[in-house]
Amino acid sequence: MNNILQFKITLKYSNPKIWRRFLVPDNITFYDLHLIIQNVMGWFNGHLHQFIYEKKSYIGDPEIFESDDIADEKTIPLNEFFTEPKMQIMYEYDMGDSWLHELVFEKILEKEKGKYYPVCIAGEKNCPPEDCGSLPGFYNMLDTLKKKKGKEYKELMEWLGGEYNPEEFDLVIVNENLKDYKSIDFEMN
């Protein structure tokens, strides 16, 4: 029987903190972890990503990064890497906006019979919209949303396609999406 790993991921430099805590089977790969992170954070998997360990790119897609120094994320199970609680790595999504996330391995749990994994168990705040220009762009966007009027506000609302609430985090929706987390994988047939 596989164990369950508990992680906490935080969008680095976000203030207030945007974070999620989630549980995953220990035998999934880093690529599966990437897809799960996309779902729990609210990203759409439209950009490159990498896992960074000890300040160097460590795990990703070696074909995209064209490097022999990158370990293949599709072949490494989490239980071969995360051996001690409190281990921390960085997850970077969208190299243009450079959304850096701190990923902390918190603990190993026994799998509960009849429980579905992966599952998100907690979190706070809504993730920034894709392509909003990193954290400075996100904070400018929030300032514009507070005004609730003007040309810039109208253009932003049109770009967003409707309302955006930075306080919103819906655990039920996140877990519903996690039931089919691989659907966000655009490489699948």
C-alpha atoms as a PDB file:
ATOM      1  CA  MET A   1       0.000   0.000   0.000  1.00  0.00           C
ATOM      2  CA  ASN A   2       1.348   3.403  -0.964  1.00  0.00           C
ATOM      3  CA  ASN A   3       1.794   6.216   1.504  1.00  0.00           C
ATOM      4  CA  ILE A   4       0.418   9.716   1.132  1.00  0.00           C
ATOM      5  CA  LEU A   5       2.588  12.833   1.060  1.00  0.00           C
ATOM      6  CA  GLN A   6       1.367  16.142   2.450  1.00  0.00           C
ATOM      7  CA  PHE A   7       2.621  19.327   0.793  1.00  0.00           C
ATOM      8  CA  LYS A   8       2.127  23.027   1.300  1.00  0.00           C
ATOM      9  CA  ILE A   9       2.660  25.295  -1.686  1.00  0.00           C
ATOM     10  CA  THR A  10       2.876  29.069  -1.381  1.00  0.00           C
ATOM     11  CA  LEU A  11       3.119  31.626  -4.163  1.00  0.00           C
ATOM     12  CA  LYS A  12       6.449  33.208  -3.271  1.00  0.00           C
ATOM     13  CA  TYR A  13       6.412  36.919  -2.388  1.00  0.00           C
ATOM     14  CA  SER A  14       2.604  37.039  -2.346  1.00  0.00           C
ATOM     15  CA  ASN A  15       1.206  39.306   0.354  1.00  0.00           C
ATOM     16  CA  PRO A  16      -1.169  38.286   1.755  1.00  0.00           C
ATOM     17  CA  LYS A  17       0.003  34.717   1.218  1.00  0.00           C
ATOM     18  CA  ILE A  18      -1.642  32.639  -1.501  1.00  0.00           C
ATOM     19  CA  TRP A  19      -1.223  29.007  -0.499  1.00  0.00           C
ATOM     20  CA  ARG A  20      -2.628  25.472  -0.654  1.00  0.00           C
ATOM     21  CA  ARG A  21      -2.120  22.297   1.382  1.00  0.00           C
ATOM     22  CA  PHE A  22      -2.726  19.024  -0.436  1.00  0.00           C
ATOM     23  CA  LEU A  23      -2.219  15.258  -0.249  1.00  0.00           C
ATOM     24  CA  VAL A  24      -0.900  13.034  -3.037  1.00  0.00           C
ATOM     25  CA  PRO A  25       0.094   9.367  -3.413  1.00  0.00           C
ATOM     26  CA  ASP A  26       3.840   8.955  -2.930  1.00  0.00           C
ATOM     27  CA  ASN A  27       4.304   6.933  -6.135  1.00  0.00           C
ATOM     28  CA  ILE A  28       3.173   9.610  -8.606  1.00  0.00           C
ATOM     29  CA  THR A  29       5.768  11.378 -10.755  1.00  0.00           C
ATOM     30  CA  PHE A  30       6.902  14.979 -10.670  1.00  0.00           C
ATOM     31  CA  TYR A  31       4.911  15.492 -13.864  1.00  0.00           C
ATOM     32  CA  ASP A  32       1.750  14.403 -12.056  1.00  0.00           C
ATOM     33  CA  LEU A  33       2.724  16.742  -9.216  1.00  0.00           C
ATOM     34  CA  HIS A  34       2.996  19.566 -11.763  1.00  0.00           C
ATOM     35  CA  LEU A  35      -0.544  18.858 -13.027  1.00  0.00           C
ATOM     36  CA  ILE A  36      -1.851  18.718  -9.458  1.00  0.00           C
ATOM     37  CA  ILE A  37      -0.175  22.036  -8.607  1.00  0.00           C
ATOM     38  CA  GLN A  38      -1.768  23.583 -11.699  1.00  0.00           C
ATOM     39  CA  ASN A  39      -5.179  22.477 -10.446  1.00  0.00           C
ATOM     40  CA  VAL A  40      -4.834  23.431  -6.781  1.00  0.00           C
ATOM     41  CA  MET A  41      -3.380  26.853  -7.561  1.00  0.00           C
ATOM     42  CA  GLY A  42      -5.838  27.619 -10.356  1.00  0.00           C
ATOM     43  CA  TRP A  43      -3.365  27.816 -13.229  1.00  0.00           C
ATOM     44  CA  PHE A  44      -4.220  26.524 -16.719  1.00  0.00           C
ATOM     45  CA  ASN A  45      -1.015  24.735 -17.784  1.00  0.00           C
ATOM     46  CA  GLY A  46      -0.381  27.113 -20.660  1.00  0.00           C
ATOM     47  CA  HIS A  47       3.300  27.826 -19.947  1.00  0.00           C
ATOM     48  CA  LEU A  48       6.597  26.096 -19.234  1.00  0.00           C
ATOM     49  CA  HIS A  49       7.459  24.979 -15.729  1.00  0.00           C
ATOM     50  CA  GLN A  50      10.343  23.519 -13.768  1.00  0.00           C
ATOM     51  CA  PHE A  51      11.194  22.295 -10.302  1.00  0.00           C
ATOM     52  CA  ILE A  52      14.239  23.950  -8.745  1.00  0.00           C
ATOM     53  CA  TYR A  53      16.293  22.330  -6.013  1.00  0.00           C
ATOM     54  CA  GLU A  54      19.257  23.975  -4.337  1.00  0.00           C
ATOM     55  CA  LYS A  55      19.009  27.002  -6.665  1.00  0.00           C
ATOM     56  CA  LYS A  56      19.430  25.072  -9.905  1.00  0.00           C
ATOM     57  CA  SER A  57      16.937  23.668 -12.344  1.00  0.00           C
ATOM     58  CA  TYR A  58      16.586  20.064 -11.381  1.00  0.00           C
ATOM     59  CA  ILE A  59      13.438  18.453 -12.675  1.00  0.00           C
ATOM     60  CA  GLY A  60      11.431  19.267 -15.780  1.00  0.00           C
ATOM     61  CA  ASP A  61      11.079  18.238 -19.390  1.00  0.00           C
ATOM     62  CA  PRO A  62      14.607  17.616 -20.747  1.00  0.00           C
ATOM     63  CA  GLU A  63      13.375  17.920 -24.346  1.00  0.00           C
ATOM     64  CA  ILE A  64      12.056  21.437 -23.775  1.00  0.00           C
ATOM     65  CA  PHE A  65      15.025  22.636 -21.757  1.00  0.00           C
ATOM     66  CA  GLU A  66      17.489  20.786 -24.041  1.00  0.00           C
ATOM     67  CA  SER A  67      19.770  19.861 -21.180  1.00  0.00           C
ATOM     68  CA  ASP A  68      21.258  16.658 -19.860  1.00  0.00           C
ATOM     69  CA  ASP A  69      21.295  18.270 -16.411  1.00  0.00           C
ATOM     70  CA  ILE A  70      17.503  18.227 -16.158  1.00  0.00           C
ATOM     71  CA  ALA A  71      16.029  15.087 -14.629  1.00  0.00           C
ATOM     72  CA  ASP A  72      12.956  13.841 -16.497  1.00  0.00           C
ATOM     73  CA  GLU A  73       9.877  14.713 -14.457  1.00  0.00           C
ATOM     74  CA  LYS A  74       7.887  11.904 -16.070  1.00  0.00           C
ATOM     75  CA  THR A  75      10.170   9.188 -14.704  1.00  0.00           C
ATOM     76  CA  ILE A  76      10.875  10.232 -11.101  1.00  0.00           C
ATOM     77  CA  PRO A  77       8.391   9.131  -8.441  1.00  0.00           C
ATOM     78  CA  LEU A  78       7.995  11.509  -5.520  1.00  0.00           C
ATOM     79  CA  ASN A  79       8.933   8.836  -2.974  1.00  0.00           C
ATOM     80  CA  GLU A  80      12.437   8.644  -4.456  1.00  0.00           C
ATOM     81  CA  PHE A  81      13.019  12.358  -3.914  1.00  0.00           C
ATOM     82  CA  PHE A  82      11.012  13.428  -0.869  1.00  0.00           C
ATOM     83  CA  THR A  83      12.535  11.281   1.852  1.00  0.00           C
ATOM     84  CA  GLU A  84      12.549  13.671   4.820  1.00  0.00           C
ATOM     85  CA  PRO A  85       9.739  15.967   5.981  1.00  0.00           C
ATOM     86  CA  LYS A  86      10.537  19.690   5.736  1.00  0.00           C
ATOM     87  CA  MET A  87      12.332  19.229   2.394  1.00  0.00           C
ATOM     88  CA  GLN A  88      11.691  22.270   0.243  1.00  0.00           C
ATOM     89  CA  ILE A  89      11.931  22.867  -3.489  1.00  0.00           C
ATOM     90  CA  MET A  90      10.809  25.660  -5.768  1.00  0.00           C
ATOM     91  CA  TYR A  91       8.269  25.256  -8.529  1.00  0.00           C
ATOM     92  CA  GLU A  92       8.409  27.856 -11.293  1.00  0.00           C
ATOM     93  CA  TYR A  93       5.526  28.310 -13.683  1.00  0.00           C
ATOM     94  CA  ASP A  94       5.505  30.619 -16.715  1.00  0.00           C
ATOM     95  CA  MET A  95       9.104  31.671 -17.286  1.00  0.00           C
ATOM     96  CA  GLY A  96       7.915  35.057 -18.602  1.00  0.00           C
ATOM     97  CA  ASP A  97       5.935  36.031 -15.509  1.00  0.00           C
ATOM     98  CA  SER A  98       8.094  33.737 -13.347  1.00  0.00           C
ATOM     99  CA  TRP A  99       5.531  32.594 -10.826  1.00  0.00           C
ATOM    100  CA  LEU A 100       7.747  31.092  -8.130  1.00  0.00           C
ATOM    101  CA  HIS A 101       6.204  28.765  -5.583  1.00  0.00           C
ATOM    102  CA  GLU A 102       7.729  27.349  -2.413  1.00  0.00           C
ATOM    103  CA  LEU A 103       6.802  23.680  -2.151  1.00  0.00           C
ATOM    104  CA  VAL A 104       7.336  22.180   1.300  1.00  0.00           C
ATOM    105  CA  PHE A 105       7.034  18.450   1.946  1.00  0.00           C
ATOM    106  CA  GLU A 106       5.344  18.430   5.358  1.00  0.00           C
ATOM    107  CA  LYS A 107       4.787  14.793   6.273  1.00  0.00           C
ATOM    108  CA  ILE A 108       4.040  11.203   5.322  1.00  0.00           C
ATOM    109  CA  LEU A 109       0.585   9.838   6.088  1.00  0.00           C
ATOM    110  CA  GLU A 110      -1.002   6.436   5.770  1.00  0.00           C
ATOM    111  CA  LYS A 111      -3.474   6.117   2.948  1.00  0.00           C
ATOM    112  CA  GLU A 112      -7.043   6.188   4.247  1.00  0.00           C
ATOM    113  CA  LYS A 113      -9.174   3.396   2.862  1.00  0.00           C
ATOM    114  CA  GLY A 114     -11.928   4.693   0.603  1.00  0.00           C
ATOM    115  CA  LYS A 115     -10.461   8.198   0.314  1.00  0.00           C
ATOM    116  CA  TYR A 116      -9.649   9.696  -3.101  1.00  0.00           C
ATOM    117  CA  TYR A 117      -6.227  11.200  -3.766  1.00  0.00           C
ATOM    118  CA  PRO A 118      -5.020  13.761  -4.740  1.00  0.00           C
ATOM    119  CA  VAL A 119      -7.022  16.027  -2.453  1.00  0.00           C
ATOM    120  CA  CYS A 120      -6.621  19.640  -1.389  1.00  0.00           C
ATOM    121  CA  ILE A 121      -7.281  20.068   2.340  1.00  0.00           C
ATOM    122  CA  ALA A 122      -6.805  23.823   2.837  1.00  0.00           C
ATOM    123  CA  GLY A 123      -5.837  27.065   1.165  1.00  0.00           C
ATOM    124  CA  GLU A 124      -6.247  30.807   1.114  1.00  0.00           C
ATOM    125  CA  LYS A 125      -6.759  33.468  -1.539  1.00  0.00           C
ATOM    126  CA  ASN A 126      -7.326  33.289  -5.281  1.00  0.00           C
ATOM    127  CA  CYS A 127      -4.333  32.776  -7.543  1.00  0.00           C
ATOM    128  CA  PRO A 128      -3.545  35.642  -9.918  1.00  0.00           C
ATOM    129  CA  PRO A 129      -4.982  35.368 -13.428  1.00  0.00           C
ATOM    130  CA  GLU A 130      -2.664  33.919 -16.061  1.00  0.00           C
ATOM    131  CA  ASP A 131      -0.575  36.441 -18.007  1.00  0.00           C
ATOM    132  CA  CYS A 132      -1.277  39.388 -15.689  1.00  0.00           C
ATOM    133  CA  GLY A 133       2.411  40.336 -15.512  1.00  0.00           C
ATOM    134  CA  SER A 134       3.835  38.613 -12.435  1.00  0.00           C
ATOM    135  CA  LEU A 135       3.244  39.958  -8.927  1.00  0.00           C
ATOM    136  CA  PRO A 136       3.774  43.654  -9.809  1.00  0.00           C
ATOM    137  CA  GLY A 137       1.214  43.318 -12.606  1.00  0.00           C
ATOM    138  CA  PHE A 138      -1.125  41.451 -10.273  1.00  0.00           C
ATOM    139  CA  TYR A 139      -0.940  44.158  -7.603  1.00  0.00           C
ATOM    140  CA  ASN A 140      -1.523  46.861 -10.245  1.00  0.00           C
ATOM    141  CA  MET A 141      -4.518  44.857 -11.417  1.00  0.00           C
ATOM    142  CA  LEU A 142      -5.900  44.731  -7.859  1.00  0.00           C
ATOM    143  CA  ASP A 143      -5.489  48.512  -7.515  1.00  0.00           C
ATOM    144  CA  THR A 144      -7.414  48.993 -10.761  1.00  0.00           C
ATOM    145  CA  LEU A 145     -10.178  46.638  -9.577  1.00  0.00           C
ATOM    146  CA  LYS A 146     -10.610  48.655  -6.366  1.00  0.00           C
ATOM    147  CA  LYS A 147     -11.393  51.795  -8.417  1.00  0.00           C
ATOM    148  CA  LYS A 148     -14.433  50.149 -10.036  1.00  0.00           C
ATOM    149  CA  LYS A 149     -14.537  52.817 -12.745  1.00  0.00           C
ATOM    150  CA  GLY A 150     -12.627  54.325 -15.622  1.00  0.00           C
ATOM    151  CA  LYS A 151     -11.248  53.143 -18.943  1.00  0.00           C
ATOM    152  CA  GLU A 152      -8.501  51.000 -17.397  1.00  0.00           C
ATOM    153  CA  TYR A 153     -11.050  49.277 -15.135  1.00  0.00           C
ATOM    154  CA  LYS A 154     -13.380  48.599 -18.071  1.00  0.00           C
ATOM    155  CA  GLU A 155     -10.534  47.172 -20.174  1.00  0.00           C
ATOM    156  CA  LEU A 156      -9.394  45.003 -17.279  1.00  0.00           C
ATOM    157  CA  MET A 157     -12.891  43.625 -16.719  1.00  0.00           C
ATOM    158  CA  GLU A 158     -13.121  42.807 -20.405  1.00  0.00           C
ATOM    159  CA  TRP A 159      -9.703  41.083 -20.311  1.00  0.00           C
ATOM    160  CA  LEU A 160     -10.690  39.108 -17.197  1.00  0.00           C
ATOM    161  CA  GLY A 161     -13.967  38.060 -18.797  1.00  0.00           C
ATOM    162  CA  GLY A 162     -15.907  39.031 -15.685  1.00  0.00           C
ATOM    163  CA  GLU A 163     -15.431  39.434 -11.973  1.00  0.00           C
ATOM    164  CA  TYR A 164     -12.253  38.455 -10.160  1.00  0.00           C
ATOM    165  CA  ASN A 165     -12.218  38.136  -6.383  1.00  0.00           C
ATOM    166  CA  PRO A 166      -8.692  37.901  -4.893  1.00  0.00           C
ATOM    167  CA  GLU A 167     -10.129  36.607  -1.602  1.00  0.00           C
ATOM    168  CA  GLU A 168     -11.966  33.704  -3.197  1.00  0.00           C
ATOM    169  CA  PHE A 169     -10.742  30.159  -2.673  1.00  0.00           C
ATOM    170  CA  ASP A 170     -13.255  27.369  -3.209  1.00  0.00           C
ATOM    171  CA  LEU A 171     -12.013  24.068  -1.789  1.00  0.00           C
ATOM    172  CA  VAL A 172     -14.995  22.167  -3.208  1.00  0.00           C
ATOM    173  CA  ILE A 173     -14.286  23.322  -6.776  1.00  0.00           C
ATOM    174  CA  VAL A 174     -10.557  22.613  -6.425  1.00  0.00           C
ATOM    175  CA  ASN A 175     -11.252  19.060  -5.270  1.00  0.00           C
ATOM    176  CA  GLU A 176     -13.817  18.536  -8.003  1.00  0.00           C
ATOM    177  CA  ASN A 177     -11.151  19.534 -10.555  1.00  0.00           C
ATOM    178  CA  LEU A 178      -8.592  17.239  -8.910  1.00  0.00           C
ATOM    179  CA  LYS A 179     -10.788  14.211  -9.615  1.00  0.00           C
ATOM    180  CA  ASP A 180      -9.793  14.635 -13.244  1.00  0.00           C
ATOM    181  CA  TYR A 181      -6.500  16.481 -12.769  1.00  0.00           C
ATOM    182  CA  LYS A 182      -4.897  14.957 -15.866  1.00  0.00           C
ATOM    183  CA  SER A 183      -7.475  16.655 -18.111  1.00  0.00           C
ATOM    184  CA  ILE A 184      -5.283  19.772 -17.935  1.00  0.00           C
ATOM    185  CA  ASP A 185      -2.473  17.803 -19.636  1.00  0.00           C
ATOM    186  CA  PHE A 186      -2.456  19.108 -23.186  1.00  0.00           C
ATOM    187  CA  GLU A 187       0.119  16.499 -24.244  1.00  0.00           C
ATOM    188  CA  MET A 188      -2.304  13.623 -23.687  1.00  0.00           C
ATOM    189  CA  ASN A 189      -4.158  12.092 -26.635  1.00  0.00           C
END
